[in-house]
N, C-alpha and C. Protein backbone atom coordinates (compact mmCIF):
# COMPACT_ATOMS: atom_id res chain seq x y z
N MET A 1 102.94 135.68 96.34
CA MET A 1 101.73 136.19 95.19
C MET A 1 101.62 137.50 95.26
N GLU A 2 101.81 138.12 96.66
CA GLU A 2 101.43 139.54 96.74
C GLU A 2 102.63 140.06 96.11
N ALA A 3 103.59 139.82 95.96
CA ALA A 3 104.84 140.45 94.86
C ALA A 3 103.99 140.49 93.60
N CYS A 4 103.50 139.46 93.30
CA CYS A 4 103.14 139.50 91.69
C CYS A 4 101.88 139.79 91.40
N THR A 5 101.11 140.50 92.41
CA THR A 5 100.17 141.35 92.53
C THR A 5 100.59 142.50 92.17
N TYR A 6 101.72 143.10 92.98
CA TYR A 6 102.58 144.47 92.83
C TYR A 6 102.65 144.56 91.55
N VAL A 7 103.48 143.63 90.82
CA VAL A 7 103.79 143.72 89.37
C VAL A 7 102.67 143.70 88.49
N ILE A 8 101.52 143.08 88.65
CA ILE A 8 100.53 142.96 87.75
C ILE A 8 99.90 144.40 87.84
N ASP A 9 99.65 145.12 89.17
CA ASP A 9 99.17 146.25 88.91
C ASP A 9 100.35 147.91 89.11
N ASP A 10 101.24 147.23 88.68
CA ASP A 10 102.20 148.43 88.41
C ASP A 10 102.28 148.60 86.32
N ALA A 11 101.61 149.46 86.09
CA ALA A 11 101.40 149.97 84.65
C ALA A 11 102.18 150.53 83.98
N ALA A 12 103.53 150.61 84.93
CA ALA A 12 105.20 150.91 84.06
C ALA A 12 105.88 149.86 83.90
N ARG A 13 105.35 148.67 84.17
CA ARG A 13 106.31 147.57 84.12
C ARG A 13 105.89 146.74 82.62
N ARG A 14 106.74 146.52 81.81
CA ARG A 14 107.06 145.91 80.82
C ARG A 14 106.04 144.84 80.76
N VAL A 15 105.29 144.28 79.83
CA VAL A 15 104.35 143.52 79.28
C VAL A 15 105.03 142.10 79.40
N ASP A 16 105.94 141.61 79.22
CA ASP A 16 106.74 140.50 79.54
C ASP A 16 106.63 140.07 81.21
N GLU A 17 107.09 141.09 82.05
CA GLU A 17 107.03 141.17 83.36
C GLU A 17 105.70 140.48 84.15
N ARG A 18 104.69 141.56 83.30
CA ARG A 18 103.59 141.56 84.00
C ARG A 18 102.53 140.24 83.47
N SER A 19 103.36 139.44 82.40
CA SER A 19 102.66 138.30 82.20
C SER A 19 103.15 137.11 83.12
N THR A 20 104.59 137.32 83.49
CA THR A 20 105.27 136.47 84.17
C THR A 20 104.82 136.63 85.48
N ALA A 21 104.59 137.87 85.78
CA ALA A 21 103.85 137.68 87.11
C ALA A 21 102.53 137.00 87.01
N TYR A 22 101.62 137.21 86.17
CA TYR A 22 100.11 136.29 86.50
C TYR A 22 100.39 135.21 86.28
N LEU A 23 101.24 134.61 85.32
CA LEU A 23 101.62 132.77 85.17
C LEU A 23 102.34 132.43 86.54
N ARG A 24 103.01 133.32 87.18
CA ARG A 24 103.43 132.76 88.56
C ARG A 24 102.26 132.68 89.62
N ARG A 25 101.42 133.75 89.70
CA ARG A 25 100.53 133.78 90.62
C ARG A 25 99.36 132.57 90.28
N GLY A 26 99.32 132.53 89.35
CA GLY A 26 98.08 131.63 88.48
C GLY A 26 98.73 130.09 89.19
N ALA A 27 100.07 129.86 88.92
CA ALA A 27 100.37 128.70 89.89
C ALA A 27 100.30 128.85 91.17
N GLY A 28 100.74 129.71 91.98
CA GLY A 28 100.20 129.95 93.46
C GLY A 28 98.57 129.47 93.69
N TRP A 29 97.99 130.33 92.70
CA TRP A 29 96.78 130.08 93.16
C TRP A 29 96.33 128.21 92.78
N SER A 30 96.89 127.68 91.70
CA SER A 30 96.85 126.33 91.69
C SER A 30 97.02 125.51 92.82
N MET A 31 98.25 125.71 93.06
CA MET A 31 99.04 125.16 94.47
C MET A 31 98.42 125.11 95.79
N LYS A 32 97.09 126.16 95.65
CA LYS A 32 96.25 126.81 96.88
C LYS A 32 95.16 125.86 96.55
N GLY A 33 94.85 125.10 95.32
CA GLY A 33 93.98 124.89 95.01
C GLY A 33 92.43 125.48 94.40
N ASP A 34 92.91 126.54 93.85
CA ASP A 34 91.96 127.65 93.71
C ASP A 34 91.96 127.78 91.98
N ASP A 35 91.81 126.73 91.32
CA ASP A 35 91.61 126.20 89.88
C ASP A 35 91.14 127.49 89.33
N GLY A 36 89.54 128.10 89.84
CA GLY A 36 89.13 129.51 88.76
C GLY A 36 90.31 130.80 89.09
N ARG A 37 90.55 130.96 89.97
CA ARG A 37 91.54 132.07 89.98
C ARG A 37 93.00 131.93 89.17
N ALA A 38 93.56 130.02 89.33
CA ALA A 38 94.63 130.02 88.51
C ALA A 38 94.05 130.45 86.66
N ILE A 39 93.42 129.57 86.42
CA ILE A 39 92.94 129.72 84.90
C ILE A 39 92.69 131.28 84.42
N ALA A 40 92.32 131.71 85.59
CA ALA A 40 91.84 133.34 84.99
C ALA A 40 93.25 134.48 85.21
N ASP A 41 94.51 134.16 85.73
CA ASP A 41 95.88 134.80 85.81
C ASP A 41 96.24 134.07 84.58
N ILE A 42 96.65 132.51 84.50
CA ILE A 42 97.01 131.98 83.38
C ILE A 42 96.60 132.65 81.95
N ASP A 43 95.45 132.58 81.81
CA ASP A 43 94.55 133.06 80.45
C ASP A 43 95.04 134.71 80.35
N GLN A 44 94.73 135.38 81.09
CA GLN A 44 95.45 136.82 81.21
C GLN A 44 96.75 136.75 80.57
N ALA A 45 97.88 135.80 81.23
CA ALA A 45 99.74 136.02 81.19
C ALA A 45 99.56 135.55 79.46
N ILE A 46 98.48 134.83 78.78
CA ILE A 46 98.62 134.31 77.31
C ILE A 46 97.96 135.51 76.35
N ARG A 47 97.34 136.36 77.29
CA ARG A 47 96.33 137.69 76.39
C ARG A 47 97.44 138.79 76.02
N LEU A 48 98.61 138.56 77.48
CA LEU A 48 99.71 139.74 77.29
C LEU A 48 100.69 139.35 76.28
N GLU A 49 101.03 138.02 76.51
CA GLU A 49 102.46 137.29 75.26
C GLU A 49 102.01 135.96 75.01
N PRO A 50 101.13 136.18 73.84
CA PRO A 50 100.87 134.76 73.63
C PRO A 50 101.75 134.05 72.83
N ALA A 51 103.08 134.40 73.24
CA ALA A 51 104.10 133.65 72.64
C ALA A 51 104.74 132.92 73.85
N GLN A 52 104.31 133.15 74.54
CA GLN A 52 105.12 132.73 75.88
C GLN A 52 104.99 131.39 76.04
N VAL A 53 106.01 130.51 76.00
CA VAL A 53 105.67 129.20 75.98
C VAL A 53 105.25 128.55 77.12
N ASP A 54 105.60 128.94 78.22
CA ASP A 54 105.72 128.64 79.75
C ASP A 54 103.73 128.74 79.71
N ALA A 55 103.36 129.64 79.39
CA ALA A 55 101.81 129.47 79.69
C ALA A 55 101.20 128.69 78.59
């Protein structure tokens, strides 16, 4: 999750990279039982790249 946060915070990254990082970090939060953070990250992934099928 730390690596995902690094990608998310790097404004020089492409949108698809940041979206994937949000999605993966959301999955990590979900596995830890933190549904609120999971939903927030997955929502952000969708906002950045609405056509992403995985989100």
